[in-house]
Amino acid sequence: MIGLILAILIFNGIAWKVNKKLSRNQMVHIWFFTIAFQQTHDFIVEFKLGGYWYFNPGVDWAGLLAHTILIAPVNILFLNFFPFRNNFNKNFLYLSAWLAFIIIYEIIAALPEPYGYFHYGWWKLQYSMVEDVILLLILLGFYKYIVSLEKPIGGIQ
């Protein structure tokens, strides 16, 4: 539990302090998208299939923290610093650096308690390596969609 609380405080503190690019509206959209997307994914992989779990298998009050306030600030940080106007190579390097960070964090989260809180069932770290790329690309697509919705159409907003 110590690891989860520390991670929540650090990620949320950094996300809210350093954000310069995303509007509050965009941050709220990203936050709720993250919760909805993670809940949908975890409903299948965590609860139905037992691939992994937070703290204990099944629905857990402590796991609710990981499902609601842990991942969203990380997504906000990822988007805040993403080099949208740079070439493919810089975008690829940025994405690779974040994937390395996420994988290292997952390894730390899987440490024994009190610092770790993430447990593997049949899920393997290699699955996360592939899936995280897909999830970050979906997040980028959703962010671009939000930005397109905020642009005024024909001078009317």
Protein backbone atom coordinates (compact mmCIF):
# COMPACT_ATOMS: atom_id res chain seq x y z
CA MET A 1 0.00 0.00 0.00
CA ILE A 2 2.94 2.32 0.67
CA GLY A 3 4.08 2.03 -2.96
CA LEU A 4 0.63 2.83 -4.33
CA ILE A 5 0.12 5.86 -2.08
CA LEU A 6 3.59 7.19 -2.91
CA ALA A 7 3.00 6.68 -6.63
CA ILE A 8 -0.39 8.43 -6.49
CA LEU A 9 1.06 11.41 -4.61
CA ILE A 10 4.11 11.70 -6.87
CA PHE A 11 2.32 11.26 -10.20
CA ASN A 12 -0.59 13.54 -9.29
CA GLY A 13 1.70 16.19 -7.79
CA ILE A 14 3.93 16.27 -10.86
CA ALA A 15 1.03 16.17 -13.34
CA TRP A 16 -0.79 19.10 -11.76
CA LYS A 17 2.39 21.12 -11.17
CA VAL A 18 4.16 20.81 -14.54
CA ASN A 19 1.21 20.76 -16.92
CA LYS A 20 1.53 23.68 -19.35
CA LYS A 21 0.00 22.28 -22.53
CA LEU A 22 -3.31 20.67 -21.62
CA SER A 23 -6.36 22.72 -20.70
CA ARG A 24 -8.41 21.74 -17.68
CA ASN A 25 -11.11 20.55 -20.07
CA GLN A 26 -8.61 18.28 -21.82
CA MET A 27 -7.32 17.01 -18.48
CA VAL A 28 -10.84 16.10 -17.36
CA HIS A 29 -11.51 14.35 -20.67
CA ILE A 30 -8.24 12.39 -20.37
CA TRP A 31 -8.96 11.54 -16.73
CA PHE A 32 -12.43 10.10 -17.41
CA PHE A 33 -11.31 8.39 -20.62
CA THR A 34 -8.50 6.72 -18.66
CA ILE A 35 -10.85 5.50 -15.95
CA ALA A 36 -13.42 4.19 -18.46
CA PHE A 37 -10.82 2.53 -20.65
CA GLN A 38 -8.93 0.98 -17.72
CA GLN A 39 -12.13 -0.25 -16.06
CA THR A 40 -13.28 -1.86 -19.31
CA HIS A 41 -9.90 -3.53 -19.84
CA ASP A 42 -9.53 -4.63 -16.23
CA PHE A 43 -13.08 -5.92 -16.06
CA ILE A 44 -12.08 -8.51 -18.65
CA VAL A 45 -8.37 -9.18 -17.96
CA GLU A 46 -8.32 -8.69 -14.19
CA PHE A 47 -11.76 -9.73 -12.94
CA LYS A 48 -13.06 -12.17 -15.54
CA LEU A 49 -9.83 -13.85 -16.68
CA GLY A 50 -7.62 -13.39 -13.58
CA GLY A 51 -4.64 -12.18 -15.59
CA TYR A 52 -3.46 -9.87 -12.83
CA TRP A 53 -4.83 -7.98 -9.85
CA TYR A 54 -4.11 -5.20 -7.41
CA PHE A 55 -3.57 -6.32 -3.79
CA ASN A 56 -6.02 -9.26 -3.80
CA PRO A 57 -7.88 -11.14 -6.54
CA GLY A 58 -11.38 -9.83 -7.13
CA VAL A 59 -12.94 -6.50 -6.32
CA ASP A 60 -10.94 -4.73 -3.63
CA TRP A 61 -11.37 -1.27 -2.09
CA ALA A 62 -7.63 -0.63 -2.14
CA GLY A 63 -7.56 -1.58 -5.82
CA LEU A 64 -10.07 1.19 -6.50
CA LEU A 65 -7.27 3.73 -5.96
CA ALA A 66 -5.22 2.13 -8.71
CA HIS A 67 -8.25 2.08 -11.00
CA THR A 68 -9.21 5.74 -10.52
CA ILE A 69 -6.34 8.04 -9.56
CA LEU A 70 -3.06 6.35 -10.50
CA ILE A 71 -2.94 6.06 -14.30
CA ALA A 72 -4.70 9.29 -15.37
CA PRO A 73 -1.96 11.66 -14.17
CA VAL A 74 0.63 9.50 -15.95
CA ASN A 75 -1.38 9.87 -19.16
CA ILE A 76 -1.58 13.62 -18.61
CA LEU A 77 2.21 13.79 -18.20
CA PHE A 78 2.72 11.68 -21.32
CA LEU A 79 0.53 13.99 -23.40
CA ASN A 80 1.87 17.20 -21.86
CA PHE A 81 5.41 16.52 -23.05
CA PHE A 82 4.64 14.62 -26.27
CA PRO A 83 6.56 16.19 -29.19
CA PHE A 84 3.57 16.60 -31.52
CA ARG A 85 5.32 18.93 -33.95
CA ASN A 86 8.50 16.87 -34.32
CA ASN A 87 9.47 14.18 -36.78
CA PHE A 88 8.82 10.47 -36.52
CA ASN A 89 12.23 9.71 -34.97
CA LYS A 90 11.69 12.06 -32.01
CA ASN A 91 8.16 10.75 -31.50
CA PHE A 92 9.46 7.18 -31.61
CA LEU A 93 12.21 7.95 -29.09
CA TYR A 94 9.72 9.70 -26.79
CA LEU A 95 7.31 6.76 -26.98
CA SER A 96 10.17 4.30 -26.36
CA ALA A 97 11.34 6.24 -23.29
CA TRP A 98 7.83 6.22 -21.84
CA LEU A 99 7.45 2.50 -22.52
CA ALA A 100 10.70 1.87 -20.65
CA PHE A 101 9.43 3.98 -17.75
CA ILE A 102 6.09 2.15 -17.66
CA ILE A 103 7.73 -1.28 -17.73
CA ILE A 104 10.19 -0.34 -14.96
CA TYR A 105 7.29 1.02 -12.92
CA GLU A 106 5.34 -2.22 -13.43
CA ILE A 107 8.33 -4.21 -12.20
CA ILE A 108 8.51 -2.01 -9.08
CA ALA A 109 4.74 -2.29 -8.52
CA ALA A 110 5.10 -6.09 -8.59
CA LEU A 111 7.56 -6.06 -5.67
CA PRO A 112 6.37 -7.67 -2.42
CA GLU A 113 4.25 -5.59 -0.06
CA PRO A 114 4.38 -3.01 1.48
CA TYR A 115 5.89 -1.34 -1.59
CA GLY A 116 4.38 -3.54 -4.26
CA TYR A 117 0.69 -3.97 -4.93
CA PHE A 118 0.47 -5.50 -8.40
CA HIS A 119 0.29 -9.29 -8.78
CA TYR A 120 0.50 -11.50 -11.86
CA GLY A 121 -1.85 -14.36 -12.62
CA TRP A 122 -1.24 -15.69 -16.12
CA TRP A 123 -0.30 -12.19 -17.40
CA LYS A 124 3.36 -11.68 -18.32
CA LEU A 125 5.46 -8.52 -18.48
CA GLN A 126 5.95 -9.17 -22.20
CA TYR A 127 2.22 -8.76 -22.76
CA SER A 128 2.40 -5.34 -21.14
CA MET A 129 5.28 -4.35 -23.42
CA VAL A 130 3.12 -4.95 -26.48
CA GLU A 131 -0.14 -3.71 -25.01
CA ASP A 132 1.31 -0.46 -23.64
CA VAL A 133 2.33 0.63 -27.15
CA ILE A 134 -1.22 0.10 -28.35
CA LEU A 135 -2.72 1.87 -25.32
CA LEU A 136 -0.47 4.93 -25.69
CA LEU A 137 -1.35 5.18 -29.39
CA ILE A 138 -5.07 4.99 -28.52
CA LEU A 139 -4.50 7.72 -25.92
CA LEU A 140 -2.81 9.92 -28.53
CA GLY A 141 -5.71 9.37 -30.91
CA PHE A 142 -8.24 10.28 -28.22
CA TYR A 143 -6.29 13.43 -27.34
CA LYS A 144 -6.22 14.52 -30.99
CA TYR A 145 -9.98 13.93 -31.13
CA ILE A 146 -10.52 16.14 -28.05
CA VAL A 147 -8.40 18.89 -29.60
CA SER A 148 -10.41 18.70 -32.83
CA LEU A 149 -13.66 19.05 -30.88
CA GLU A 150 -12.38 22.21 -29.20
CA LYS A 151 -11.63 23.98 -32.47
CA PRO A 152 -14.41 26.38 -33.43
CA ILE A 153 -16.40 25.45 -36.54
CA GLY A 154 -17.01 28.39 -38.90
CA GLY A 155 -16.17 30.94 -36.18
CA ILE A 156 -18.88 29.57 -33.85
CA GLN A 157 -17.94 28.03 -30.56
